[in-house]
Protein backbone atom coordinates (compact mmCIF):
# COMPACT_ATOMS: atom_id res chain seq x y z
CA UNK A 1 0.00 0.00 0.00
CA UNK A 2 1.49 3.27 -1.14
CA UNK A 3 0.41 6.58 0.32
CA UNK A 4 1.68 10.03 1.15
CA UNK A 5 2.26 8.86 4.73
CA UNK A 6 4.63 6.18 3.42
CA UNK A 7 6.75 8.85 1.76
CA UNK A 8 6.58 11.24 4.73
CA UNK A 9 7.93 8.54 7.04
CA UNK A 10 11.21 8.71 5.13
CA UNK A 11 12.18 12.08 6.62
CA UNK A 12 14.28 10.30 9.26
CA UNK A 13 16.69 9.42 6.44
CA UNK A 14 16.97 13.09 5.56
CA UNK A 15 17.74 13.81 9.22
CA UNK A 16 20.50 11.17 9.09
CA UNK A 17 22.18 13.00 6.20
CA UNK A 18 21.91 16.27 8.11
CA UNK A 19 23.44 14.67 11.21
CA UNK A 20 26.34 13.22 9.21
CA UNK A 21 26.97 16.62 7.59
CA UNK A 22 26.98 18.22 11.03
CA UNK A 23 29.47 15.64 12.34
CA UNK A 24 31.67 16.20 9.30
CA UNK A 25 31.43 19.99 9.51
CA UNK A 26 32.14 20.21 13.24
CA UNK A 27 35.40 18.27 12.77
CA UNK A 28 34.49 15.43 15.09
CA UNK A 29 37.09 12.72 15.73
CA UNK A 30 37.64 10.21 12.91
CA UNK A 31 36.20 7.35 14.97
CA UNK A 32 32.88 9.18 15.37
CA UNK A 33 32.88 10.12 11.70
CA UNK A 34 33.49 6.49 10.74
CA UNK A 35 30.68 5.19 12.96
CA UNK A 36 28.27 7.83 11.65
CA UNK A 37 29.19 7.22 8.00
CA UNK A 38 28.95 3.46 8.39
CA UNK A 39 25.54 3.62 10.08
CA UNK A 40 24.15 6.04 7.48
CA UNK A 41 25.55 3.92 4.62
CA UNK A 42 23.98 0.76 6.05
CA UNK A 43 20.69 2.56 6.68
CA UNK A 44 20.41 3.85 3.12
CA UNK A 45 21.50 0.52 1.65
CA UNK A 46 18.78 -1.23 3.65
CA UNK A 47 16.22 1.40 2.63
CA UNK A 48 17.12 1.07 -1.07
CA UNK A 49 16.84 -2.72 -0.97
CA UNK A 50 13.59 -2.72 0.98
CA UNK A 51 11.97 -0.11 -1.28
CA UNK A 52 13.02 -2.11 -4.32
CA UNK A 53 11.86 -5.51 -3.04
CA UNK A 54 9.02 -4.93 -0.58
CA UNK A 55 7.02 -1.94 -1.81
CA UNK A 56 4.72 -2.47 -4.76
CA UNK A 57 5.31 -0.18 -7.76
CA UNK A 58 3.17 2.92 -7.81
CA UNK A 59 2.92 5.18 -10.83
CA UNK A 60 1.62 8.71 -10.93
CA UNK A 61 0.40 10.48 -14.03
CA UNK A 62 2.04 13.74 -15.00
CA UNK A 63 -0.07 16.61 -16.24
CA UNK A 64 -3.15 14.35 -16.33
CA UNK A 65 -1.70 12.38 -19.22
CA UNK A 66 -2.18 8.62 -19.29
CA UNK A 67 0.97 8.26 -21.41
CA UNK A 68 3.35 10.19 -19.15
CA UNK A 69 3.86 8.31 -15.86
CA UNK A 70 6.57 8.12 -13.19
CA UNK A 71 7.26 5.09 -11.01
CA UNK A 72 7.56 6.77 -7.62
CA UNK A 73 8.79 3.68 -5.78
CA UNK A 74 11.55 3.11 -8.34
CA UNK A 75 12.57 6.76 -8.10
CA UNK A 76 12.80 6.60 -4.29
CA UNK A 77 14.72 3.30 -4.36
CA UNK A 78 17.19 4.64 -6.93
CA UNK A 79 17.70 7.83 -4.94
CA UNK A 80 18.44 5.85 -1.80
CA UNK A 81 20.85 3.68 -3.78
CA UNK A 82 22.79 6.71 -5.00
CA UNK A 83 23.03 8.14 -1.48
CA UNK A 84 24.13 4.73 -0.16
CA UNK A 85 26.94 4.52 -2.74
CA UNK A 86 28.10 8.02 -1.81
CA UNK A 87 28.09 7.16 1.90
CA UNK A 88 30.06 3.94 1.31
CA UNK A 89 32.60 6.04 -0.62
CA UNK A 90 32.81 8.50 2.28
CA UNK A 91 33.24 5.65 4.75
CA UNK A 92 36.09 4.25 2.65
CA UNK A 93 37.75 7.66 2.41
CA UNK A 94 37.47 8.29 6.15
CA UNK A 95 39.30 5.01 6.82
CA UNK A 96 41.87 4.76 4.04
CA UNK A 97 42.25 8.27 2.60
CA UNK A 98 41.56 10.78 5.39
CA UNK A 99 43.31 13.61 3.53
CA UNK A 100 41.06 13.11 0.48
CA UNK A 101 37.91 13.08 2.60
CA UNK A 102 35.59 16.08 2.46
CA UNK A 103 36.27 16.79 6.11
CA UNK A 104 37.17 20.41 6.74
CA UNK A 105 40.77 20.84 7.87
CA UNK A 106 40.46 24.34 9.32
CA UNK A 107 37.71 26.63 10.50
CA UNK A 108 36.03 28.81 7.92
CA UNK A 109 36.21 32.51 8.68
CA UNK A 110 33.71 34.87 7.14
CA UNK A 111 34.87 38.45 6.91
């Protein structure tokens, strides 16, 4: 069963991205960054797989046209998959290439 409530329940994943960005931006220790990145990567991987396998496809019509439709479930699953791949890359970089990570190395000063 697909509904607006189903989509709105996904805002906790958006909060997870915000929390990881905050941890990265506040220059937290590498161990905390690794744990946060790993948990967010696993969360989005699980979400992508579950959306792909467990939720029935749901198409919406665009502009009232019966020919122009979008598979909302596929779009959400693909989006979660892209975020999961990015988070796995960040987790790898935090462990093996800390200098190439997007972590800030000094405070930003605005004049």
